[in-house]
Amino acid sequence: MLDIADGKVSYNKLDLPTAWWPYNIVVTPDGKLALVNETGGGGSSDGNVDTTSVIDLSVNPPRIIDHVVVGDGPEGLAISPKGNLAVAAILRGSNMKKAFFAEKTGSLSILKIDDKKVTKTQDIEIGGLPEAVLFTPDGKYILAGSFLTQDFSILKVDGTKVTDTGKRFKLPGHPASARMGP
């Protein structure tokens, strides 16, 4: 954990035992929970399931209260502006054509957030090697960038249900680390 005070960042000597290879972190808009993707296999797909850790930031000291199984190789991670959903981009070996566990596409794991309970509710297939994932500022859409196909998938959010619109838009490059703000 890092403390931020008066424009300075310092290590406060509190370590949280996430699973192997923590990769991305997001915090709910109310600041009560943080989610951390863990890629497990050295930062890439390895054929095994991986988790997203749930950190309770409302207690002192903060602590991990759950691990949610999301799939093989979670990378991108985003949380909705309402704080009721999160989405993890899952590699599924889509960049490892010769691996025994390789899938043609990646996927999105949709995570419902209800107070301090986080539950995986959906898996939605998208393009290969999904990395960037984000919610639009109004929370009505998710954009998921696929590195291999150099495009973004557009998904519709209706409450806590997500559907793929089937619409894509091409990019001139790879959407590896796209972000969106309010």
Protein backbone atom coordinates (compact mmCIF):
# COMPACT_ATOMS: atom_id res chain seq x y z
CA MET A 1 0.00 0.00 0.00
CA LEU A 2 1.14 3.51 -0.76
CA ASP A 3 0.17 6.63 1.18
CA ILE A 4 -0.34 9.91 -0.64
CA ALA A 5 -0.08 13.10 1.41
CA ASP A 6 0.90 16.65 0.50
CA GLY A 7 1.86 15.59 -3.02
CA LYS A 8 4.24 12.89 -1.80
CA VAL A 9 3.93 9.13 -2.20
CA SER A 10 5.40 6.78 0.41
CA TYR A 11 5.37 3.04 1.02
CA ASN A 12 3.49 2.40 4.28
CA LYS A 13 4.91 -1.12 4.80
CA LEU A 14 1.53 -2.84 4.35
CA ASP A 15 1.57 -5.61 1.74
CA LEU A 16 -1.60 -7.39 0.63
CA PRO A 17 -1.38 -11.08 -0.38
CA THR A 18 -2.95 -11.02 -3.82
CA ALA A 19 -2.51 -14.04 -6.06
CA TRP A 20 0.50 -14.30 -8.43
CA TRP A 21 1.33 -11.54 -10.86
CA PRO A 22 -1.03 -8.70 -9.87
CA TYR A 23 -1.59 -6.74 -13.05
CA ASN A 24 -4.20 -3.97 -12.90
CA ILE A 25 -6.11 -2.31 -10.09
CA VAL A 26 -9.34 -0.29 -10.04
CA VAL A 27 -11.20 1.38 -7.17
CA THR A 28 -14.97 1.78 -6.86
CA PRO A 29 -16.20 5.39 -7.16
CA ASP A 30 -17.12 5.40 -3.44
CA GLY A 31 -13.57 4.31 -2.53
CA LYS A 32 -14.75 1.29 -0.49
CA LEU A 33 -13.41 -1.54 -2.69
CA ALA A 34 -10.49 -2.17 -4.97
CA LEU A 35 -10.20 -4.98 -7.50
CA VAL A 36 -6.89 -6.42 -8.69
CA ASN A 37 -6.42 -8.76 -11.67
CA GLU A 38 -3.80 -11.47 -11.23
CA THR A 39 -2.45 -13.12 -14.36
CA GLY A 40 -0.89 -16.10 -12.60
CA GLY A 41 1.38 -17.54 -15.28
CA GLY A 42 4.16 -14.99 -15.39
CA GLY A 43 1.94 -12.28 -16.82
CA SER A 44 0.35 -14.32 -19.61
CA SER A 45 -2.07 -17.16 -20.30
CA ASP A 46 -0.92 -20.58 -19.12
CA GLY A 47 -4.09 -22.69 -19.42
CA ASN A 48 -5.06 -22.24 -15.77
CA VAL A 49 -7.78 -20.07 -14.28
CA ASP A 50 -6.78 -16.84 -12.60
CA THR A 51 -8.48 -14.51 -10.16
CA THR A 52 -9.45 -10.97 -9.35
CA SER A 53 -8.84 -10.09 -5.71
CA VAL A 54 -11.37 -7.97 -3.83
CA ILE A 55 -9.82 -5.54 -1.35
CA ASP A 56 -11.91 -3.92 1.38
CA LEU A 57 -10.62 -0.35 1.62
CA SER A 58 -13.25 0.69 4.22
CA VAL A 59 -11.45 -1.09 7.09
CA ASN A 60 -8.17 -0.23 8.75
CA PRO A 61 -5.91 -1.75 7.67
CA PRO A 62 -7.35 -2.64 4.23
CA ARG A 63 -7.53 -6.37 3.52
CA ILE A 64 -8.36 -8.88 0.82
CA ILE A 65 -11.84 -10.30 1.41
CA ASP A 66 -12.32 -12.50 -1.67
CA HIS A 67 -10.78 -13.95 -4.84
CA VAL A 68 -13.14 -14.24 -7.82
CA VAL A 69 -12.20 -16.74 -10.55
CA VAL A 70 -12.34 -14.87 -13.87
CA GLY A 71 -10.49 -17.02 -16.44
CA ASP A 72 -7.05 -17.59 -17.96
CA GLY A 73 -4.90 -14.47 -18.23
CA PRO A 74 -6.87 -11.42 -17.02
CA GLU A 75 -5.28 -8.18 -18.21
CA GLY A 76 -7.42 -5.06 -18.69
CA LEU A 77 -9.73 -4.14 -15.83
CA ALA A 78 -12.32 -1.37 -15.54
CA ILE A 79 -15.10 -0.38 -13.17
CA SER A 80 -18.36 1.32 -14.10
CA PRO A 81 -19.03 4.93 -13.07
CA LYS A 82 -21.88 3.64 -10.85
CA GLY A 83 -19.57 1.12 -9.18
CA ASN A 84 -22.02 -1.75 -9.70
CA LEU A 85 -20.05 -3.56 -12.44
CA ALA A 86 -16.47 -4.31 -13.35
CA VAL A 87 -15.08 -5.99 -16.44
CA ALA A 88 -11.88 -8.00 -16.82
CA ALA A 89 -10.36 -8.70 -20.24
CA ILE A 90 -9.37 -12.40 -20.42
CA LEU A 91 -6.61 -13.53 -22.81
CA ARG A 92 -7.57 -17.26 -22.94
CA GLY A 93 -4.35 -18.06 -24.78
CA SER A 94 -5.61 -16.17 -27.83
CA ASN A 95 -2.09 -14.93 -28.53
CA MET A 96 -0.50 -18.40 -28.23
CA LYS A 97 -1.64 -20.28 -31.34
CA LYS A 98 0.44 -23.42 -30.68
CA ALA A 99 -0.35 -23.82 -26.99
CA PHE A 100 -2.62 -26.71 -25.99
CA PHE A 101 -4.93 -24.26 -24.23
CA ALA A 102 -5.10 -21.63 -27.00
CA GLU A 103 -8.50 -20.21 -27.90
CA LYS A 104 -9.20 -18.23 -31.07
CA THR A 105 -10.75 -15.38 -29.10
CA GLY A 106 -10.40 -13.67 -25.79
CA SER A 107 -13.35 -12.85 -23.56
CA LEU A 108 -14.70 -10.42 -21.02
CA SER A 109 -15.61 -11.51 -17.51
CA ILE A 110 -18.43 -9.34 -16.20
CA LEU A 111 -18.32 -8.84 -12.43
CA LYS A 112 -21.37 -7.65 -10.49
CA ILE A 113 -20.56 -5.57 -7.40
CA ASP A 114 -23.15 -5.59 -4.61
CA ASP A 115 -21.77 -3.77 -1.57
CA LYS A 116 -18.68 -5.89 -0.74
CA LYS A 117 -19.76 -8.98 -2.69
CA VAL A 118 -18.27 -9.41 -6.18
CA THR A 119 -19.69 -12.14 -8.43
CA LYS A 120 -18.81 -13.16 -11.97
CA THR A 121 -22.08 -13.12 -13.91
CA GLN A 122 -21.10 -13.41 -17.60
CA ASP A 123 -18.38 -14.38 -20.07
CA ILE A 124 -18.57 -12.68 -23.45
CA GLU A 125 -16.26 -13.68 -26.33
CA ILE A 126 -14.50 -10.86 -28.18
CA GLY A 127 -11.42 -10.51 -30.42
CA GLY A 128 -8.00 -12.01 -29.82
CA LEU A 129 -5.67 -10.75 -27.11
CA PRO A 130 -8.05 -8.31 -25.39
CA GLU A 131 -6.13 -5.84 -23.27
CA ALA A 132 -7.76 -2.43 -23.03
CA VAL A 133 -11.22 -2.30 -21.51
CA LEU A 134 -13.20 0.75 -20.39
CA PHE A 135 -16.65 2.08 -19.61
CA THR A 136 -18.01 5.19 -21.28
CA PRO A 137 -18.42 8.07 -18.79
CA ASP A 138 -22.20 7.51 -18.65
CA GLY A 139 -21.68 3.78 -17.98
CA LYS A 140 -23.97 2.73 -20.84
CA TYR A 141 -21.26 1.05 -22.92
CA ILE A 142 -18.09 -0.97 -22.53
CA LEU A 143 -15.32 -0.65 -25.10
CA ALA A 144 -12.96 -3.63 -25.30
CA GLY A 145 -9.78 -3.35 -27.36
CA SER A 146 -8.35 -6.42 -29.06
CA PHE A 147 -4.64 -6.21 -29.81
CA LEU A 148 -4.59 -8.87 -32.55
CA THR A 149 -7.51 -7.47 -34.55
CA GLN A 150 -6.63 -3.82 -33.82
CA ASP A 151 -10.21 -2.89 -33.02
CA PHE A 152 -12.63 -2.10 -30.24
CA SER A 153 -15.78 -4.12 -29.53
CA ILE A 154 -18.79 -2.12 -28.37
CA LEU A 155 -20.92 -3.72 -25.65
CA LYS A 156 -24.18 -2.37 -24.22
CA VAL A 157 -24.74 -2.16 -20.45
CA ASP A 158 -28.32 -2.49 -19.18
CA GLY A 159 -28.28 -2.46 -15.37
CA THR A 160 -25.93 -5.35 -14.60
CA LYS A 161 -26.53 -7.20 -17.89
CA VAL A 162 -24.02 -6.73 -20.73
CA THR A 163 -24.59 -7.63 -24.38
CA ASP A 164 -22.27 -7.46 -27.37
CA THR A 165 -23.70 -5.08 -29.98
CA GLY A 166 -21.68 -6.80 -32.70
CA LYS A 167 -20.27 -3.39 -33.67
CA ARG A 168 -16.52 -2.87 -33.95
CA PHE A 169 -14.34 0.02 -34.94
CA LYS A 170 -10.87 -0.38 -36.40
CA LEU A 171 -7.80 1.42 -35.12
CA PRO A 172 -4.57 2.46 -36.84
CA GLY A 173 -2.62 0.68 -34.08
CA HIS A 174 -2.95 -1.59 -31.05
CA PRO A 175 -5.31 -0.61 -28.19
CA ALA A 176 -3.08 -2.05 -25.45
CA SER A 177 -3.54 0.58 -22.75
CA ALA A 178 -6.47 2.81 -23.70
CA ARG A 179 -8.19 4.67 -20.87
CA MET A 180 -11.25 6.94 -20.64
CA GLY A 181 -12.09 9.56 -18.08
CA PRO A 182 -15.22 11.47 -17.10
